Amino acid sequence: MGEQGWAYWRCISLNFGPLDGRSLSPSVPAMLSGMDRASLERRLANADKHIVEGTRHVAQQKALVQGMERLGRDTSTSKQLLQTFEETLRLHTADRDELLRQLNAERP
């Protein structure tokens, strides 16, 4: 994995901790509920950016796995990384959905 991939992984680890199949921790919605609208909107913009990047990572990794399979290469590690990217994308999407819920709840 290149430096950019490791930087992405470090970012995921710092933001979400170990990926163990759980949804967002209960503290995330509680943390969001105390934020002002501008902060929620900034976080929403970041979540949207992460979703775009995550979608790209998933597509690239799927293409890599398919290419490796065509060449008869071992894809076990690449498939594990793909699963991690897919789980991370799911977490970013859940974060975005919670942010949208919070923003919609504040509307008059």
Protein backbone atom coordinates (compact mmCIF):
# COMPACT_ATOMS: atom_id res chain seq x y z
CA MET A 1 0.00 0.00 0.00
CA GLY A 2 1.39 3.41 -0.93
CA GLU A 3 1.80 6.36 1.39
CA GLN A 4 -1.57 7.78 0.33
CA GLY A 5 -3.27 4.48 1.22
CA TRP A 6 -1.61 4.42 4.64
CA ALA A 7 -2.58 8.05 5.23
CA TYR A 8 -6.19 7.13 4.42
CA TRP A 9 -6.02 4.15 6.78
CA ARG A 10 -4.58 6.30 9.59
CA CYS A 11 -7.40 8.81 9.05
CA ILE A 12 -9.99 6.04 9.29
CA SER A 13 -8.39 4.62 12.43
CA LEU A 14 -8.25 8.00 14.13
CA ASN A 15 -11.84 8.88 13.28
CA PHE A 16 -13.54 5.56 13.88
CA GLY A 17 -11.19 3.36 15.88
CA PRO A 18 -11.13 -0.34 15.08
CA LEU A 19 -13.62 -1.38 12.42
CA ASP A 20 -15.45 -4.27 14.00
CA GLY A 21 -18.76 -4.23 12.14
CA ARG A 22 -20.55 -2.03 14.65
CA SER A 23 -22.47 1.03 13.61
CA LEU A 24 -21.54 4.47 14.84
CA SER A 25 -20.75 4.56 18.51
CA PRO A 26 -23.59 5.87 20.68
CA SER A 27 -21.46 8.92 21.50
CA VAL A 28 -21.48 10.24 17.91
CA PRO A 29 -25.19 11.22 17.77
CA ALA A 30 -24.90 12.67 21.28
CA MET A 31 -21.86 14.67 20.24
CA LEU A 32 -23.63 15.98 17.15
CA SER A 33 -26.70 17.08 19.09
CA GLY A 34 -24.69 19.73 20.95
CA MET A 35 -23.27 21.30 17.77
CA ASP A 36 -24.47 24.51 16.19
CA ARG A 37 -25.86 24.48 12.67
CA ALA A 38 -22.67 25.81 11.05
CA SER A 39 -20.60 23.07 12.67
CA LEU A 40 -23.06 20.42 11.52
CA GLU A 41 -22.95 21.80 7.98
CA ARG A 42 -19.12 21.72 7.98
CA ARG A 43 -19.16 18.14 9.18
CA LEU A 44 -21.76 17.30 6.52
CA ALA A 45 -19.51 18.75 3.81
CA ASN A 46 -16.63 16.62 5.13
CA ALA A 47 -18.82 13.52 5.27
CA ASP A 48 -19.92 14.08 1.67
CA LYS A 49 -16.26 14.45 0.65
CA HIS A 50 -15.38 11.21 2.46
CA ILE A 51 -18.24 9.40 0.73
CA VAL A 52 -17.02 10.53 -2.70
CA GLU A 53 -13.45 9.48 -1.87
CA GLY A 54 -14.61 6.22 -0.31
CA THR A 55 -16.72 5.36 -3.34
CA ARG A 56 -13.67 5.95 -5.53
CA HIS A 57 -11.49 3.77 -3.27
CA VAL A 58 -14.04 0.94 -3.38
CA ALA A 59 -14.27 1.12 -7.19
CA GLN A 60 -10.49 1.16 -7.59
CA GLN A 61 -10.04 -1.76 -5.21
CA LYS A 62 -12.74 -3.79 -6.98
CA ALA A 63 -10.98 -3.19 -10.29
CA LEU A 64 -7.66 -4.21 -8.74
CA VAL A 65 -9.14 -7.43 -7.36
CA GLN A 66 -10.72 -8.27 -10.73
CA GLY A 67 -7.42 -7.66 -12.52
CA MET A 68 -5.55 -9.83 -10.04
CA GLU A 69 -8.13 -12.59 -10.43
CA ARG A 70 -7.71 -12.49 -14.24
CA LEU A 71 -3.97 -12.96 -13.73
CA GLY A 72 -4.51 -15.81 -11.30
CA ARG A 73 -2.95 -13.92 -8.39
CA ASP A 74 -3.78 -14.32 -4.71
CA THR A 75 -6.47 -11.77 -3.88
CA SER A 76 -7.08 -12.54 -0.21
CA THR A 77 -5.36 -9.42 1.16
CA SER A 78 -6.84 -7.22 -1.57
CA LYS A 79 -10.32 -8.55 -0.80
CA GLN A 80 -9.84 -7.88 2.92
CA LEU A 81 -8.85 -4.31 2.12
CA LEU A 82 -11.91 -4.00 -0.13
CA GLN A 83 -14.10 -5.11 2.77
CA THR A 84 -12.45 -2.49 4.98
CA PHE A 85 -13.06 0.20 2.37
CA GLU A 86 -16.71 -0.89 2.04
CA GLU A 87 -17.21 -0.83 5.83
CA THR A 88 -15.57 2.57 6.05
CA LEU A 89 -17.84 3.87 3.32
CA ARG A 90 -20.82 2.50 5.23
CA LEU A 91 -19.66 4.36 8.35
CA HIS A 92 -19.20 7.62 6.44
CA THR A 93 -22.69 7.21 4.99
CA ALA A 94 -24.16 6.57 8.44
CA ASP A 95 -22.35 9.65 9.75
CA ARG A 96 -23.77 11.72 6.90
CA ASP A 97 -27.26 10.37 7.50
CA GLU A 98 -27.04 11.28 11.19
CA LEU A 99 -25.83 14.77 10.33
CA LEU A 100 -28.73 15.21 7.93
CA ARG A 101 -31.13 14.00 10.61
CA GLN A 102 -29.71 16.52 13.08
CA LEU A 103 -29.88 19.36 10.55
CA ASN A 104 -33.47 18.50 9.57
CA ALA A 105 -34.49 18.32 13.24
CA GLU A 106 -33.32 21.93 13.69
CA ARG A 107 -35.50 23.29 10.90
CA PRO A 108 -38.43 25.40 12.06
